[in-house]
N, C-alpha and C. Protein backbone atom coordinates (compact mmCIF):
# COMPACT_ATOMS: atom_id res chain seq x y z
N MET A 1 6.46 6.50 150.62
CA MET A 1 6.37 5.01 150.86
C MET A 1 6.83 4.26 149.67
N LYS A 2 7.87 2.95 150.07
CA LYS A 2 7.99 2.40 148.76
C LYS A 2 7.08 1.27 148.63
N ALA A 3 7.11 0.98 147.01
CA ALA A 3 6.60 0.20 146.47
C ALA A 3 6.63 -0.88 146.53
N LYS A 4 5.82 -2.01 147.25
CA LYS A 4 5.81 -3.04 147.56
C LYS A 4 6.23 -4.10 146.06
N LEU A 5 7.17 -4.95 146.16
CA LEU A 5 7.32 -5.79 144.74
C LEU A 5 6.94 -7.23 145.41
N PHE A 6 5.88 -8.14 144.36
CA PHE A 6 5.24 -9.36 144.30
C PHE A 6 6.17 -10.09 143.70
N TYR A 7 6.45 -11.27 144.29
CA TYR A 7 6.87 -12.15 143.47
C TYR A 7 6.05 -13.15 142.57
N ILE A 8 6.21 -13.37 140.90
CA ILE A 8 5.20 -14.04 140.49
C ILE A 8 6.09 -15.29 140.34
N PRO A 9 5.56 -16.66 140.96
CA PRO A 9 5.99 -17.77 140.38
C PRO A 9 6.61 -17.83 138.74
N CYS A 10 7.23 -18.52 138.76
CA CYS A 10 7.28 -18.92 136.69
C CYS A 10 6.84 -19.27 136.34
N GLU A 11 5.78 -20.29 136.60
CA GLU A 11 4.50 -21.06 136.12
C GLU A 11 2.83 -19.62 135.48
N LYS A 12 3.14 -18.94 136.92
CA LYS A 12 2.19 -17.46 136.43
C LYS A 12 3.20 -16.74 135.84
N ARG A 13 4.48 -16.39 135.77
CA ARG A 13 4.57 -14.61 134.66
C ARG A 13 4.74 -15.86 133.27
N LEU A 14 4.65 -17.48 133.21
CA LEU A 14 4.88 -17.58 131.71
C LEU A 14 3.10 -17.50 131.02
N PHE A 15 2.21 -18.35 132.16
CA PHE A 15 0.78 -17.92 131.54
C PHE A 15 0.13 -16.63 131.65
N ILE A 16 0.74 -15.27 132.26
CA ILE A 16 0.28 -13.95 132.17
C ILE A 16 0.90 -13.70 130.30
N MET A 17 1.85 -13.89 130.32
CA MET A 17 2.61 -13.69 129.11
C MET A 17 2.49 -14.50 127.97
N SER A 18 1.67 -15.83 128.00
CA SER A 18 1.40 -16.11 126.49
C SER A 18 -0.17 -16.63 126.96
N LYS A 19 -1.18 -15.83 127.59
CA LYS A 19 -2.49 -16.28 127.52
C LYS A 19 -3.07 -15.60 126.59
N ASP A 20 -2.84 -14.77 125.91
CA ASP A 20 -3.20 -14.26 124.21
C ASP A 20 -2.47 -14.51 123.27
N LYS A 21 -1.97 -15.59 123.79
CA LYS A 21 -1.15 -16.41 122.07
C LYS A 21 -1.84 -17.25 121.49
N VAL A 22 -2.10 -17.54 120.34
CA VAL A 22 -2.89 -18.85 119.61
C VAL A 22 -2.13 -19.55 118.87
N TYR A 23 -1.79 -20.53 119.26
CA TYR A 23 -0.78 -21.32 117.67
C TYR A 23 -1.72 -22.16 116.56
N LYS A 24 -0.96 -21.99 115.59
CA LYS A 24 -1.71 -22.87 114.93
C LYS A 24 -0.86 -23.68 114.38
N LEU A 25 -1.51 -25.07 114.54
CA LEU A 25 -1.02 -26.09 114.68
C LEU A 25 -1.35 -27.07 113.32
N LYS A 26 -0.28 -27.73 112.56
CA LYS A 26 -0.75 -28.61 111.44
C LYS A 26 -0.25 -30.03 112.00
N ILE A 27 -1.35 -30.48 112.20
CA ILE A 27 -1.25 -32.46 113.01
C ILE A 27 -1.49 -32.97 112.13
N THR A 28 -0.63 -34.19 111.67
CA THR A 28 -0.69 -35.15 110.97
C THR A 28 0.16 -36.48 111.21
N ILE A 29 -0.72 -37.57 111.11
CA ILE A 29 -0.57 -39.03 111.22
C ILE A 29 0.45 -39.29 110.44
N GLN A 30 1.90 -39.95 110.83
CA GLN A 30 2.77 -40.50 109.73
C GLN A 30 2.34 -41.51 109.40
N ASP A 31 3.02 -42.21 108.22
CA ASP A 31 2.86 -43.48 107.43
C ASP A 31 1.83 -43.71 107.20
N ILE A 32 0.96 -42.38 106.83
CA ILE A 32 -0.66 -43.35 105.92
C ILE A 32 -0.54 -42.06 104.90
N TYR A 33 -0.91 -42.85 103.65
CA TYR A 33 -0.95 -42.38 102.89
C TYR A 33 -2.38 -42.50 101.88
N PRO A 34 -3.44 -41.56 101.53
CA PRO A 34 -3.47 -40.53 101.60
C PRO A 34 -3.73 -39.83 103.53
N ALA A 35 -2.84 -38.68 103.81
CA ALA A 35 -2.68 -37.90 105.26
C ALA A 35 -4.03 -37.66 105.82
N ILE A 36 -3.45 -38.42 106.84
CA ILE A 36 -4.84 -38.17 107.98
C ILE A 36 -4.39 -36.71 108.79
N TRP A 37 -5.16 -35.96 108.82
CA TRP A 37 -4.48 -34.45 109.42
C TRP A 37 -5.45 -33.64 109.86
N ARG A 38 -5.27 -32.78 111.32
CA ARG A 38 -5.94 -31.83 111.34
C ARG A 38 -4.85 -30.36 111.48
N GLU A 39 -5.82 -29.33 111.44
CA GLU A 39 -5.15 -28.05 111.36
C GLU A 39 -6.36 -27.50 112.26
N VAL A 40 -5.41 -27.34 114.05
CA VAL A 40 -5.78 -26.42 114.56
C VAL A 40 -5.42 -25.20 115.37
N LEU A 41 -6.55 -24.70 116.30
CA LEU A 41 -6.29 -22.95 117.02
C LEU A 41 -6.07 -23.56 118.20
N VAL A 42 -4.70 -23.29 119.00
CA VAL A 42 -4.62 -23.54 120.37
C VAL A 42 -4.39 -22.62 121.00
N PRO A 43 -4.88 -22.13 122.31
CA PRO A 43 -4.35 -20.93 123.15
C PRO A 43 -3.01 -21.29 123.84
N GLY A 44 -2.24 -19.92 123.98
CA GLY A 44 -0.61 -20.50 124.79
C GLY A 44 -1.61 -20.56 126.11
N GLY A 45 -0.05 -20.94 127.11
CA GLY A 45 -0.35 -20.47 128.71
C GLY A 45 -1.17 -22.37 128.85
N ILE A 46 -1.08 -23.67 128.07
CA ILE A 46 -1.50 -24.47 128.59
C ILE A 46 -0.37 -25.71 128.51
N THR A 47 -0.67 -26.71 129.14
CA THR A 47 0.34 -27.78 129.74
C THR A 47 0.20 -28.28 128.48
N PHE A 48 1.00 -29.66 127.79
CA PHE A 48 1.30 -30.41 127.26
C PHE A 48 0.13 -31.79 127.16
N HIS A 49 -0.06 -31.56 128.73
CA HIS A 49 -1.28 -32.94 128.87
C HIS A 49 -2.17 -32.21 128.37
N LYS A 50 -2.82 -30.44 128.68
CA LYS A 50 -3.67 -30.20 127.96
C LYS A 50 -3.93 -30.60 126.09
N LEU A 51 -3.02 -29.98 125.85
CA LEU A 51 -2.35 -30.55 123.69
C LEU A 51 -2.96 -31.91 123.57
N HIS A 52 -2.19 -33.07 124.93
CA HIS A 52 -2.58 -34.54 124.25
C HIS A 52 -4.39 -34.61 124.51
N LYS A 53 -5.15 -33.88 125.17
CA LYS A 53 -6.17 -33.75 125.04
C LYS A 53 -7.01 -33.23 123.89
N ILE A 54 -6.64 -32.39 123.21
CA ILE A 54 -6.43 -31.71 122.36
C ILE A 54 -6.77 -32.44 120.90
N ILE A 55 -5.24 -32.75 121.41
CA ILE A 55 -5.73 -33.74 119.65
C ILE A 55 -5.98 -34.93 119.99
N GLN A 56 -6.27 -35.93 121.30
CA GLN A 56 -7.24 -36.68 121.13
C GLN A 56 -8.56 -36.17 120.60
N ALA A 57 -9.05 -35.09 121.15
CA ALA A 57 -10.34 -34.81 120.47
C ALA A 57 -10.37 -34.99 119.08
N ALA A 58 -9.12 -33.64 118.73
CA ALA A 58 -9.05 -33.46 117.47
C ALA A 58 -9.21 -34.93 116.26
N PHE A 59 -8.78 -35.74 116.48
CA PHE A 59 -8.96 -36.60 115.82
C PHE A 59 -9.72 -38.06 116.23
N GLY A 60 -10.33 -37.91 117.46
CA GLY A 60 -11.71 -38.87 117.29
C GLY A 60 -10.75 -40.12 118.59
N TRP A 61 -9.58 -39.97 118.88
CA TRP A 61 -9.03 -40.91 119.64
C TRP A 61 -9.47 -41.04 120.91
N GLN A 62 -9.42 -42.31 121.49
CA GLN A 62 -10.42 -42.51 122.66
C GLN A 62 -9.44 -42.76 123.69
N ASP A 63 -8.35 -42.05 123.84
CA ASP A 63 -7.46 -42.06 125.34
C ASP A 63 -7.15 -43.15 126.23
N TYR A 64 -7.13 -43.98 125.62
CA TYR A 64 -6.57 -44.95 126.71
C TYR A 64 -5.52 -45.67 126.67
N HIS A 65 -4.57 -44.96 125.85
CA HIS A 65 -2.96 -45.92 125.89
C HIS A 65 -2.44 -44.75 126.56
N LEU A 66 -0.55 -44.74 126.29
CA LEU A 66 0.10 -43.90 126.98
C LEU A 66 0.68 -43.05 125.52
N PHE A 67 1.35 -41.80 125.76
CA PHE A 67 1.63 -40.75 125.07
C PHE A 67 2.86 -39.90 125.19
N LEU A 68 3.85 -39.43 124.85
CA LEU A 68 4.86 -38.42 124.45
C LEU A 68 5.08 -37.51 123.42
N PHE A 69 5.69 -36.74 123.59
CA PHE A 69 5.88 -35.54 122.71
C PHE A 69 7.43 -35.48 122.76
N LEU A 70 7.92 -35.57 121.16
CA LEU A 70 9.61 -36.00 121.16
C LEU A 70 9.83 -34.56 120.25
N PHE A 71 10.88 -33.87 121.26
CA PHE A 71 11.72 -32.81 120.55
C PHE A 71 12.82 -32.87 120.23
N PRO A 72 13.68 -32.41 119.77
CA PRO A 72 15.17 -32.85 119.31
C PRO A 72 16.21 -32.83 121.08
N ASP A 73 15.81 -32.15 121.75
CA ASP A 73 16.22 -31.77 122.69
C ASP A 73 15.48 -32.29 124.06
N CYS A 74 14.64 -32.69 124.34
CA CYS A 74 13.82 -33.14 125.17
C CYS A 74 12.50 -34.20 124.89
N MET A 75 12.53 -34.77 126.07
CA MET A 75 10.60 -35.76 125.88
C MET A 75 9.94 -35.19 126.77
N VAL A 76 8.56 -35.59 126.42
CA VAL A 76 7.48 -34.71 127.06
C VAL A 76 6.67 -36.21 127.56
N LYS A 77 6.53 -36.53 128.92
CA LYS A 77 5.69 -38.29 128.67
C LYS A 77 5.44 -37.76 129.86
N GLU A 78 4.05 -39.16 130.96
CA GLU A 78 3.82 -39.25 131.61
C GLU A 78 4.92 -40.09 132.75
N GLN A 79 4.83 -39.47 133.51
CA GLN A 79 5.76 -40.21 134.65
C GLN A 79 5.49 -41.58 134.98
N ASP A 80 6.60 -42.64 134.66
CA ASP A 80 6.17 -44.12 135.54
C ASP A 80 6.55 -43.78 136.81
N PRO A 81 5.28 -44.10 137.24
CA PRO A 81 5.12 -43.93 139.12
C PRO A 81 6.74 -45.00 139.68
N ASP A 82 7.23 -46.10 139.15
CA ASP A 82 8.42 -47.02 139.74
C ASP A 82 9.72 -46.36 139.26
N PHE A 83 9.81 -45.38 138.47
CA PHE A 83 10.79 -44.66 137.58
C PHE A 83 11.07 -43.00 137.90
N PRO A 84 11.90 -42.54 138.37
CA PRO A 84 11.95 -41.10 138.39
C PRO A 84 12.00 -40.79 137.02
N LEU A 85 11.64 -39.12 136.57
CA LEU A 85 11.94 -38.72 134.94
C LEU A 85 13.42 -38.54 135.11
N HIS A 86 13.94 -38.85 134.01
CA HIS A 86 15.42 -38.68 133.67
C HIS A 86 15.68 -36.75 133.00
N GLU A 87 16.55 -36.76 133.38
CA GLU A 87 16.77 -35.10 133.13
C GLU A 87 16.57 -34.40 131.65
N ILE A 88 16.30 -35.91 130.69
CA ILE A 88 15.65 -34.46 129.60
C ILE A 88 14.39 -34.92 129.65
N GLU A 89 13.59 -35.49 130.42
CA GLU A 89 11.85 -35.83 130.25
C GLU A 89 11.23 -35.04 131.12
N LYS A 90 10.47 -34.62 130.31
CA LYS A 90 9.48 -32.97 131.16
C LYS A 90 8.02 -33.71 131.72
N ASN A 91 7.52 -33.37 132.68
CA ASN A 91 5.70 -34.03 133.07
C ASN A 91 5.10 -33.01 132.10
N PRO A 92 4.09 -33.87 131.03
CA PRO A 92 3.37 -33.24 130.56
C PRO A 92 2.32 -32.45 132.02
N LYS A 93 2.11 -32.62 132.64
CA LYS A 93 1.31 -31.72 133.50
C LYS A 93 1.56 -30.50 134.15
N LYS A 94 3.26 -30.64 134.10
CA LYS A 94 3.85 -29.18 134.39
C LYS A 94 4.60 -28.27 133.19
N THR A 95 4.47 -29.02 132.25
CA THR A 95 5.18 -28.03 131.47
C THR A 95 4.39 -27.17 129.96
N TYR A 96 4.77 -26.23 129.80
CA TYR A 96 3.73 -25.65 129.12
C TYR A 96 4.50 -25.27 127.71
N ILE A 97 3.14 -25.12 126.49
CA ILE A 97 3.64 -25.80 125.28
C ILE A 97 4.54 -24.38 125.17
N ASP A 98 4.41 -23.16 125.43
CA ASP A 98 5.37 -22.11 125.03
C ASP A 98 6.71 -22.68 125.21
N ASP A 99 6.87 -22.77 126.26
CA ASP A 99 8.39 -23.23 126.73
C ASP A 99 9.23 -24.01 125.63
N LEU A 100 8.34 -24.69 124.83
CA LEU A 100 9.13 -25.55 123.45
C LEU A 100 8.70 -25.05 122.33
N PHE A 101 7.71 -24.34 122.40
CA PHE A 101 7.16 -23.85 120.85
C PHE A 101 7.66 -22.90 120.57
N GLU A 102 8.28 -21.96 121.55
CA GLU A 102 9.09 -20.60 121.38
C GLU A 102 10.35 -21.03 121.05
N LYS A 103 11.00 -22.61 120.98
CA LYS A 103 12.40 -22.57 120.65
C LYS A 103 11.98 -23.50 119.53
N HIS A 104 11.26 -24.42 119.48
CA HIS A 104 10.86 -25.53 118.04
C HIS A 104 9.83 -25.17 117.25
N GLU A 105 9.91 -25.32 116.15
CA GLU A 105 8.58 -25.41 115.02
C GLU A 105 8.10 -26.52 114.96
N LYS A 106 9.04 -27.47 115.59
CA LYS A 106 7.41 -29.13 115.00
C LYS A 106 8.28 -29.87 116.08
N CYS A 107 7.16 -30.64 116.06
CA CYS A 107 7.54 -31.94 116.88
C CYS A 107 7.01 -33.32 117.01
N LEU A 108 7.27 -34.41 117.43
CA LEU A 108 5.76 -35.32 117.07
C LEU A 108 5.45 -35.74 118.49
N TYR A 109 4.64 -36.19 118.42
CA TYR A 109 3.27 -36.62 118.94
C TYR A 109 3.40 -38.18 118.98
N GLU A 110 3.36 -39.17 119.86
CA GLU A 110 3.19 -40.74 120.12
C GLU A 110 2.26 -40.59 120.63
N TYR A 111 1.22 -41.66 120.22
CA TYR A 111 0.11 -41.86 120.74
C TYR A 111 0.53 -43.71 120.89
N ASP A 112 -0.05 -44.30 121.83
CA ASP A 112 -0.49 -46.01 121.62
C ASP A 112 0.86 -46.44 121.07
N PHE A 113 2.23 -47.10 122.39
CA PHE A 113 3.23 -47.60 122.22
C PHE A 113 3.22 -48.78 121.41
N GLY A 114 2.00 -49.34 121.48
CA GLY A 114 2.32 -50.70 120.79
C GLY A 114 1.76 -50.14 119.27
N ASP A 115 0.76 -50.10 118.92
CA ASP A 115 0.58 -49.17 117.59
C ASP A 115 1.71 -48.18 116.77
N SER A 116 1.71 -47.37 118.00
CA SER A 116 3.14 -46.34 117.80
C SER A 116 2.47 -45.07 116.41
N TRP A 117 1.47 -44.41 117.03
CA TRP A 117 0.44 -43.61 116.01
C TRP A 117 1.89 -42.30 115.96
N MET A 118 2.47 -41.91 115.14
CA MET A 118 3.07 -40.69 115.12
C MET A 118 2.65 -39.84 114.05
N HIS A 119 2.83 -38.69 115.10
CA HIS A 119 2.09 -37.49 114.70
C HIS A 119 2.97 -36.29 114.65
N GLU A 120 3.15 -35.90 113.66
CA GLU A 120 4.24 -34.70 113.45
C GLU A 120 3.48 -33.29 113.96
N ILE A 121 3.87 -32.55 114.36
CA ILE A 121 3.09 -31.06 114.83
C ILE A 121 3.81 -29.98 114.25
N ILE A 122 3.33 -29.26 113.68
CA ILE A 122 4.06 -28.04 112.76
C ILE A 122 3.61 -27.07 113.78
N VAL A 123 4.21 -26.16 114.07
CA VAL A 123 3.52 -24.56 114.57
C VAL A 123 3.82 -23.65 113.49
N GLU A 124 2.27 -23.66 112.96
CA GLU A 124 2.37 -23.11 111.23
C GLU A 124 2.50 -21.48 111.71
N GLU A 125 1.53 -20.66 112.76
CA GLU A 125 1.79 -19.51 112.95
C GLU A 125 1.63 -19.16 114.41
N VAL A 126 2.25 -18.08 114.95
CA VAL A 126 1.51 -17.76 116.02
C VAL A 126 1.40 -16.48 115.91
N ILE A 127 -0.27 -16.20 116.69
CA ILE A 127 -0.84 -15.35 116.57
C ILE A 127 -1.48 -14.54 117.76
N GLY A 128 -1.79 -13.33 117.91
CA GLY A 128 -1.66 -12.52 119.26
C GLY A 128 -2.93 -12.08 119.38
N LYS A 129 -3.98 -12.74 118.51
CA LYS A 129 -5.59 -12.68 119.16
C LYS A 129 -6.03 -13.71 119.87
N PRO A 130 -6.50 -13.53 121.17
CA PRO A 130 -7.04 -14.33 121.95
C PRO A 130 -7.91 -15.43 121.36
N LEU A 131 -8.14 -16.65 121.39
CA LEU A 131 -9.71 -17.74 121.46
C LEU A 131 -10.58 -17.16 122.19
N GLU A 132 -11.62 -17.37 121.66
CA GLU A 132 -13.01 -16.79 122.33
C GLU A 132 -13.15 -17.61 123.64
N ASN A 133 -13.16 -17.53 124.53
CA ASN A 133 -13.30 -18.89 125.84
C ASN A 133 -12.34 -19.57 125.91
N ARG A 134 -10.90 -19.57 125.68
CA ARG A 134 -9.65 -19.52 125.14
C ARG A 134 -9.86 -21.15 124.69
N SER A 135 -11.11 -21.76 123.84
CA SER A 135 -11.28 -22.94 123.77
C SER A 135 -10.49 -23.07 121.92
N PRO A 136 -9.79 -24.21 122.17
CA PRO A 136 -9.54 -24.53 120.70
C PRO A 136 -10.54 -25.00 119.79
N VAL A 137 -9.83 -24.80 118.87
CA VAL A 137 -10.62 -24.82 117.12
C VAL A 137 -10.11 -25.53 116.38
N CYS A 138 -11.05 -26.16 115.95
CA CYS A 138 -9.94 -26.82 114.35
C CYS A 138 -10.59 -26.21 113.39
N ILE A 139 -9.70 -25.91 112.32
CA ILE A 139 -10.35 -24.90 111.14
C ILE A 139 -10.01 -26.00 110.02
N ASN A 140 -9.53 -27.27 110.05
CA ASN A 140 -9.58 -27.84 108.48
C ASN A 140 -8.82 -28.93 108.98
N GLY A 141 -9.38 -30.37 108.06
CA GLY A 141 -8.89 -31.56 108.26
C GLY A 141 -9.57 -32.47 107.15
N GLU A 142 -8.42 -33.34 107.12
CA GLU A 142 -8.95 -34.40 106.22
C GLU A 142 -9.08 -36.02 106.79
N ARG A 143 -9.74 -36.45 106.26
CA ARG A 143 -9.84 -38.04 106.56
C ARG A 143 -9.76 -38.79 108.09
N HIS A 144 -10.45 -39.83 108.28
CA HIS A 144 -10.69 -40.25 109.69
C HIS A 144 -9.74 -41.36 110.00
N ARG A 145 -9.28 -41.04 111.09
CA ARG A 145 -8.31 -41.52 111.72
C ARG A 145 -8.22 -43.37 112.49
N PRO A 146 -7.35 -44.02 112.29
CA PRO A 146 -7.23 -45.92 112.07
C PRO A 146 -8.51 -45.75 113.83
N PRO A 147 -8.83 -46.95 113.19
CA PRO A 147 -9.10 -47.50 114.88
C PRO A 147 -8.14 -47.59 115.57
N GLU A 148 -9.08 -47.47 116.51
CA GLU A 148 -7.66 -47.99 118.23
C GLU A 148 -7.29 -49.78 117.70
N ASP A 149 -6.29 -49.74 118.00
CA ASP A 149 -5.59 -51.44 118.30
C ASP A 149 -5.70 -51.86 116.97
N VAL A 150 -6.02 -51.27 116.02
CA VAL A 150 -5.61 -52.01 114.75
C VAL A 150 -4.39 -52.75 114.15
N GLY A 151 -3.59 -51.66 114.66
CA GLY A 151 -2.46 -52.97 114.80
C GLY A 151 -1.25 -51.75 113.88
N GLY A 152 -1.12 -50.52 114.03
CA GLY A 152 -0.11 -49.57 113.55
C GLY A 152 -0.85 -49.73 111.95
N ALA A 153 0.32 -48.91 111.30
CA ALA A 153 0.60 -48.69 109.68
C ALA A 153 0.05 -49.50 109.23
N GLY A 154 0.54 -50.81 109.20
CA GLY A 154 0.67 -52.11 108.36
C GLY A 154 -0.80 -52.55 108.91
N GLY A 155 -1.00 -52.72 110.31
CA GLY A 155 -2.57 -53.06 110.18
C GLY A 155 -3.86 -52.02 109.85
N TYR A 156 -3.29 -50.90 109.87
CA TYR A 156 -4.08 -50.32 108.99
C TYR A 156 -4.68 -50.57 107.54
N GLU A 157 -3.56 -50.69 107.23
CA GLU A 157 -3.38 -51.03 105.39
C GLU A 157 -4.13 -52.28 105.40
N TYR A 158 -4.17 -53.38 105.87
CA TYR A 158 -4.73 -54.54 105.47
C TYR A 158 -6.71 -54.39 105.93
N PHE A 159 -6.61 -52.95 107.38
CA PHE A 159 -7.94 -53.22 107.56
C PHE A 159 -8.79 -52.31 106.26
N LEU A 160 -8.35 -51.46 105.66
CA LEU A 160 -9.06 -51.30 104.60
C LEU A 160 -8.90 -52.29 103.62
N ASN A 161 -7.98 -52.74 103.01
CA ASN A 161 -7.67 -53.69 102.16
C ASN A 161 -9.36 -54.40 102.26
N VAL A 162 -9.43 -54.97 103.68
CA VAL A 162 -11.02 -55.60 103.79
C VAL A 162 -11.92 -55.39 103.39
N ILE A 163 -12.22 -54.12 104.30
CA ILE A 163 -13.47 -53.35 104.12
C ILE A 163 -13.75 -52.79 102.80
N ASN A 164 -12.40 -52.69 102.26
CA ASN A 164 -13.02 -52.15 100.45
C ASN A 164 -13.76 -53.15 99.46
N ASP A 165 -13.47 -54.44 100.42
CA ASP A 165 -13.96 -55.63 99.63
C ASP A 165 -14.97 -56.46 99.98
N PRO A 166 -16.13 -56.14 99.64
CA PRO A 166 -17.39 -56.94 99.82
C PRO A 166 -17.42 -58.51 100.12
N ASN A 167 -16.70 -58.89 98.93
CA ASN A 167 -16.29 -60.64 99.14
C ASN A 167 -15.60 -60.69 100.14
N ASN A 168 -14.60 -59.93 100.77
CA ASN A 168 -13.66 -60.88 101.83
C ASN A 168 -14.72 -61.16 102.63
N PRO A 169 -14.34 -62.37 103.48
CA PRO A 169 -14.90 -63.31 104.30
C PRO A 169 -14.40 -62.30 105.50
N GLU A 170 -13.76 -61.34 105.80
CA GLU A 170 -13.92 -60.65 107.30
C GLU A 170 -14.61 -59.34 107.18
N TYR A 171 -15.10 -59.29 105.83
CA TYR A 171 -15.33 -57.96 105.75
C TYR A 171 -17.06 -57.13 106.77
N ASP A 172 -17.91 -58.49 107.44
CA ASP A 172 -18.71 -57.69 107.76
C ASP A 172 -18.21 -57.75 109.12
N GLU A 173 -16.98 -59.38 109.62
CA GLU A 173 -16.74 -59.04 111.09
C GLU A 173 -15.84 -57.52 111.36
N MET A 174 -14.76 -57.31 110.14
CA MET A 174 -14.35 -55.88 110.46
C MET A 174 -14.91 -54.76 110.58
N LEU A 175 -16.50 -54.61 109.71
CA LEU A 175 -16.82 -53.22 109.37
C LEU A 175 -17.61 -53.51 111.30
N GLU A 176 -18.13 -54.16 111.99
CA GLU A 176 -18.82 -54.23 113.14
C GLU A 176 -17.45 -54.26 114.23
N TRP A 177 -16.79 -54.42 114.23
CA TRP A 177 -15.38 -54.39 114.88
C TRP A 177 -15.40 -52.50 115.51
N ALA A 178 -14.94 -52.46 113.99
CA ALA A 178 -14.83 -51.11 114.13
C ALA A 178 -15.64 -49.83 114.32
N GLU A 179 -17.03 -50.40 114.58
CA GLU A 179 -17.92 -49.43 115.12
C GLU A 179 -17.50 -48.95 116.59
N LYS A 180 -16.94 -49.68 117.14
CA LYS A 180 -16.23 -49.34 118.53
C LYS A 180 -15.89 -47.90 118.44
N ASP A 181 -15.37 -47.33 117.38
CA ASP A 181 -14.45 -46.29 117.22
C ASP A 181 -15.89 -45.18 116.17
N THR A 182 -16.61 -45.58 115.65
CA THR A 182 -17.19 -44.81 115.45
C THR A 182 -18.82 -44.44 116.03
N GLY A 183 -19.01 -45.46 117.12
CA GLY A 183 -20.35 -45.18 117.87
C GLY A 183 -21.66 -45.86 116.94
N GLY A 184 -21.63 -46.66 116.53
CA GLY A 184 -22.64 -47.50 115.39
C GLY A 184 -22.35 -46.88 113.95
N ARG A 185 -21.51 -46.02 113.34
CA ARG A 185 -21.34 -45.75 111.99
C ARG A 185 -20.88 -46.52 111.25
N LYS A 186 -21.28 -46.82 109.91
CA LYS A 186 -20.13 -47.57 109.46
C LYS A 186 -18.93 -46.73 109.17
N PHE A 187 -17.52 -47.31 109.17
CA PHE A 187 -16.50 -46.74 109.07
C PHE A 187 -16.32 -46.55 107.91
N ASP A 188 -15.83 -45.18 107.58
CA ASP A 188 -15.75 -44.68 106.23
C ASP A 188 -14.49 -43.78 106.48
N PRO A 189 -13.02 -44.24 105.77
CA PRO A 189 -12.20 -43.90 106.09
C PRO A 189 -11.91 -42.38 105.22
N GLU A 190 -12.75 -41.84 104.81
CA GLU A 190 -12.60 -40.22 104.29
C GLU A 190 -13.65 -39.49 105.21
N TYR A 191 -14.32 -39.96 106.03
CA TYR A 191 -15.03 -39.12 106.82
C TYR A 191 -14.47 -38.45 107.52
N PHE A 192 -14.69 -36.67 107.48
CA PHE A 192 -14.03 -35.82 108.68
C PHE A 192 -15.34 -34.74 108.19
N TYR A 193 -15.98 -34.61 109.96
CA TYR A 193 -16.83 -33.17 109.73
C TYR A 193 -16.55 -32.71 110.73
N LYS A 194 -16.21 -30.94 110.27
CA LYS A 194 -15.65 -30.32 111.21
C LYS A 194 -16.38 -29.67 112.34
N ASN A 195 -17.73 -29.58 112.32
CA ASN A 195 -18.27 -29.53 113.35
C ASN A 195 -18.39 -30.05 114.85
N GLU A 196 -18.56 -31.68 114.18
CA GLU A 196 -18.50 -32.70 115.54
C GLU A 196 -17.19 -32.42 116.00
N THR A 197 -15.85 -32.66 114.86
CA THR A 197 -14.76 -32.28 115.90
C THR A 197 -14.58 -31.04 116.57
N ASN A 198 -15.20 -30.18 116.73
CA ASN A 198 -14.86 -28.54 117.04
C ASN A 198 -16.26 -28.89 118.26
N ARG A 199 -17.43 -30.07 118.28
CA ARG A 199 -17.95 -29.79 119.71
C ARG A 199 -17.35 -30.82 120.33
N LYS A 200 -16.50 -31.90 120.38
CA LYS A 200 -15.60 -32.43 121.08
C LYS A 200 -14.76 -31.81 121.62
N LEU A 201 -14.10 -30.71 120.77
CA LEU A 201 -12.69 -29.33 121.43
C LEU A 201 -13.40 -29.01 122.40
N LYS A 202 -15.00 -28.64 122.38
CA LYS A 202 -15.23 -27.45 123.33
C LYS A 202 -15.67 -28.03 124.69
N ARG A 203 -15.54 -29.53 124.61
CA ARG A 203 -15.81 -30.43 125.53
C ARG A 203 -14.30 -30.29 126.67
N ILE A 204 -13.73 -29.89 126.41
CA ILE A 204 -12.30 -29.93 126.91
C ILE A 204 -12.49 -29.68 127.97
N LYS A 205 -11.44 -29.64 129.21
CA LYS A 205 -11.65 -28.69 130.42
C LYS A 205 -10.06 -28.54 130.81
């Protein structure tokens, strides 16, 4: 009897090969000093759409703006329903991180095309040991991300100048406005609590 051959779609083959891989990523928001960064362990075999969700949770962004991933030879972005994707553009829900992280050690992730928060992503290590329950894990980081809609790096600098000066006439107004990003806690640019970040990461589906 001849052995039966089964065809496995490309996406399924990739997942089988990648599911036990773990990518150690260093993600840093550009144009801000001191740096705001997170170091995360991310399972292989996931899409860029899920990586977007992981980055949002790791930094505490609220995920109500557009995003894209920029590589030297392509761009991973959400499709505008009025325009087809260009040949160098890839759909984040259909493109797996392994496809591009196998070829590139770094890329840029842009969130909010108005404020234009550019994040540098560096693949620091590829680990052959799977993550428990394939859940992403934050292993380190520093500082709170800027408030949503603060006006980019320049607007964030102005915001920090105001909240660091209790005599500034905008001091109370700015801190109250920033509570939308902190859930009522006073905004602290140095705040980072790894356990809180990992609780957010565990909720990602």
